[in-house]
């Protein structure tokens, strides 16, 4: 049996979930990126004429409230309703 120590660290982030058509989604992603915010994770599921989108922004190491605020501002400026929830990422070594 291997007697190695295992360390697990949780990173709590904000995940944004929203729906948007192709044109609006393109503008949202461009506007967020143009403001210097990077995407840590994203999933986009096509649902007929709309997209179900889940994104996490900011550097992989930590949650950045300023970058989350950029996402909120962009989504609100496009009139897109969204939901925020905590998302966990576990790192082991």
C-alpha atoms as a PDB file:
ATOM      1  CA  UNK A   1       0.000   0.000   0.000  1.00  0.00           C
ATOM      2  CA  UNK A   2       1.292   3.462  -0.922  1.00  0.00           C
ATOM      3  CA  UNK A   3       1.681   5.806   2.067  1.00  0.00           C
ATOM      4  CA  UNK A   4       1.490   9.119   0.158  1.00  0.00           C
ATOM      5  CA  UNK A   5      -0.168  12.235   1.529  1.00  0.00           C
ATOM      6  CA  UNK A   6      -2.958  13.672  -0.585  1.00  0.00           C
ATOM      7  CA  UNK A   7      -3.953  17.333  -0.349  1.00  0.00           C
ATOM      8  CA  UNK A   8      -7.245  18.661  -1.647  1.00  0.00           C
ATOM      9  CA  UNK A   9      -7.957  22.364  -2.047  1.00  0.00           C
ATOM     10  CA  UNK A  10     -11.344  23.839  -2.980  1.00  0.00           C
ATOM     11  CA  UNK A  11     -11.685  26.983  -5.079  1.00  0.00           C
ATOM     12  CA  UNK A  12     -15.076  28.700  -4.900  1.00  0.00           C
ATOM     13  CA  UNK A  13     -16.030  30.732  -7.963  1.00  0.00           C
ATOM     14  CA  UNK A  14     -19.084  32.451  -9.428  1.00  0.00           C
ATOM     15  CA  UNK A  15     -20.839  30.694 -12.300  1.00  0.00           C
ATOM     16  CA  UNK A  16     -23.167  32.697 -14.525  1.00  0.00           C
ATOM     17  CA  UNK A  17     -26.004  30.915 -16.335  1.00  0.00           C
ATOM     18  CA  UNK A  18     -28.115  32.584 -19.029  1.00  0.00           C
ATOM     19  CA  UNK A  19     -29.740  32.075 -22.410  1.00  0.00           C
ATOM     20  CA  UNK A  20     -29.083  34.142 -25.526  1.00  0.00           C
ATOM     21  CA  UNK A  21     -29.473  33.907 -29.279  1.00  0.00           C
ATOM     22  CA  UNK A  22     -26.338  33.564 -31.417  1.00  0.00           C
ATOM     23  CA  UNK A  23     -25.957  37.283 -32.186  1.00  0.00           C
ATOM     24  CA  UNK A  24     -26.418  38.371 -28.569  1.00  0.00           C
ATOM     25  CA  UNK A  25     -24.103  35.640 -27.274  1.00  0.00           C
ATOM     26  CA  UNK A  26     -21.387  36.714 -29.712  1.00  0.00           C
ATOM     27  CA  UNK A  27     -21.678  40.313 -28.500  1.00  0.00           C
ATOM     28  CA  UNK A  28     -21.651  39.290 -24.820  1.00  0.00           C
ATOM     29  CA  UNK A  29     -18.532  37.134 -25.171  1.00  0.00           C
ATOM     30  CA  UNK A  30     -16.758  39.822 -27.218  1.00  0.00           C
ATOM     31  CA  UNK A  31     -17.648  42.593 -24.749  1.00  0.00           C
ATOM     32  CA  UNK A  32     -16.432  40.559 -21.768  1.00  0.00           C
ATOM     33  CA  UNK A  33     -13.203  39.673 -23.557  1.00  0.00           C
ATOM     34  CA  UNK A  34     -12.656  43.258 -24.795  1.00  0.00           C
ATOM     35  CA  UNK A  35     -12.730  44.400 -21.166  1.00  0.00           C
ATOM     36  CA  UNK A  36      -9.761  42.156 -20.381  1.00  0.00           C
ATOM     37  CA  UNK A  37     -11.640  39.378 -18.613  1.00  0.00           C
ATOM     38  CA  UNK A  38     -10.569  35.803 -19.334  1.00  0.00           C
ATOM     39  CA  UNK A  39     -12.808  32.743 -19.291  1.00  0.00           C
ATOM     40  CA  UNK A  40     -11.894  29.939 -16.895  1.00  0.00           C
ATOM     41  CA  UNK A  41     -14.739  27.650 -17.972  1.00  0.00           C
ATOM     42  CA  UNK A  42     -17.618  27.748 -20.416  1.00  0.00           C
ATOM     43  CA  UNK A  43     -20.306  25.444 -21.716  1.00  0.00           C
ATOM     44  CA  UNK A  44     -22.733  26.337 -24.467  1.00  0.00           C
ATOM     45  CA  UNK A  45     -25.668  24.090 -25.322  1.00  0.00           C
ATOM     46  CA  UNK A  46     -27.708  24.866 -28.426  1.00  0.00           C
ATOM     47  CA  UNK A  47     -31.468  24.707 -27.747  1.00  0.00           C
ATOM     48  CA  UNK A  48     -33.254  25.307 -31.081  1.00  0.00           C
ATOM     49  CA  UNK A  49     -32.935  29.103 -31.614  1.00  0.00           C
ATOM     50  CA  UNK A  50     -31.202  29.927 -28.337  1.00  0.00           C
ATOM     51  CA  UNK A  51     -28.115  28.931 -26.377  1.00  0.00           C
ATOM     52  CA  UNK A  52     -27.909  27.820 -22.763  1.00  0.00           C
ATOM     53  CA  UNK A  53     -24.639  29.289 -21.495  1.00  0.00           C
ATOM     54  CA  UNK A  54     -22.646  28.692 -18.313  1.00  0.00           C
ATOM     55  CA  UNK A  55     -19.437  30.676 -17.776  1.00  0.00           C
ATOM     56  CA  UNK A  56     -16.854  31.178 -15.057  1.00  0.00           C
ATOM     57  CA  UNK A  57     -14.455  34.095 -15.514  1.00  0.00           C
ATOM     58  CA  UNK A  58     -11.160  35.251 -14.084  1.00  0.00           C
ATOM     59  CA  UNK A  59      -7.838  33.630 -13.386  1.00  0.00           C
ATOM     60  CA  UNK A  60      -7.886  29.931 -12.456  1.00  0.00           C
ATOM     61  CA  UNK A  61      -6.296  30.511  -9.042  1.00  0.00           C
ATOM     62  CA  UNK A  62      -9.009  32.614  -7.390  1.00  0.00           C
ATOM     63  CA  UNK A  63     -12.353  34.367  -7.602  1.00  0.00           C
ATOM     64  CA  UNK A  64     -12.106  38.016  -8.674  1.00  0.00           C
ATOM     65  CA  UNK A  65     -15.179  40.115  -7.754  1.00  0.00           C
ATOM     66  CA  UNK A  66     -14.145  42.846 -10.222  1.00  0.00           C
ATOM     67  CA  UNK A  67     -14.260  40.441 -13.144  1.00  0.00           C
ATOM     68  CA  UNK A  68     -17.590  39.030 -11.995  1.00  0.00           C
ATOM     69  CA  UNK A  69     -18.902  42.612 -11.958  1.00  0.00           C
ATOM     70  CA  UNK A  70     -17.836  43.039 -15.594  1.00  0.00           C
ATOM     71  CA  UNK A  71     -19.946  40.008 -16.533  1.00  0.00           C
ATOM     72  CA  UNK A  72     -22.948  41.380 -14.614  1.00  0.00           C
ATOM     73  CA  UNK A  73     -22.586  44.769 -16.337  1.00  0.00           C
ATOM     74  CA  UNK A  74     -22.328  43.250 -19.812  1.00  0.00           C
ATOM     75  CA  UNK A  75     -25.293  40.915 -19.306  1.00  0.00           C
ATOM     76  CA  UNK A  76     -27.432  43.755 -17.913  1.00  0.00           C
ATOM     77  CA  UNK A  77     -26.448  46.068 -20.769  1.00  0.00           C
ATOM     78  CA  UNK A  78     -27.757  43.447 -23.221  1.00  0.00           C
ATOM     79  CA  UNK A  79     -30.958  42.966 -21.210  1.00  0.00           C
ATOM     80  CA  UNK A  80     -30.112  39.322 -20.538  1.00  0.00           C
ATOM     81  CA  UNK A  81     -31.524  37.704 -17.439  1.00  0.00           C
ATOM     82  CA  UNK A  82     -28.974  35.574 -15.626  1.00  0.00           C
ATOM     83  CA  UNK A  83     -28.464  33.464 -12.551  1.00  0.00           C
ATOM     84  CA  UNK A  84     -25.339  33.357 -10.415  1.00  0.00           C
ATOM     85  CA  UNK A  85     -24.332  30.486  -8.211  1.00  0.00           C
ATOM     86  CA  UNK A  86     -21.252  29.298  -6.439  1.00  0.00           C
ATOM     87  CA  UNK A  87     -19.164  26.797  -8.316  1.00  0.00           C
ATOM     88  CA  UNK A  88     -16.500  24.631  -6.694  1.00  0.00           C
ATOM     89  CA  UNK A  89     -13.288  23.423  -8.237  1.00  0.00           C
ATOM     90  CA  UNK A  90     -11.188  20.908  -6.357  1.00  0.00           C
ATOM     91  CA  UNK A  91      -7.440  20.709  -6.821  1.00  0.00           C
ATOM     92  CA  UNK A  92      -5.439  17.764  -5.549  1.00  0.00           C
ATOM     93  CA  UNK A  93      -1.745  17.110  -5.226  1.00  0.00           C
END
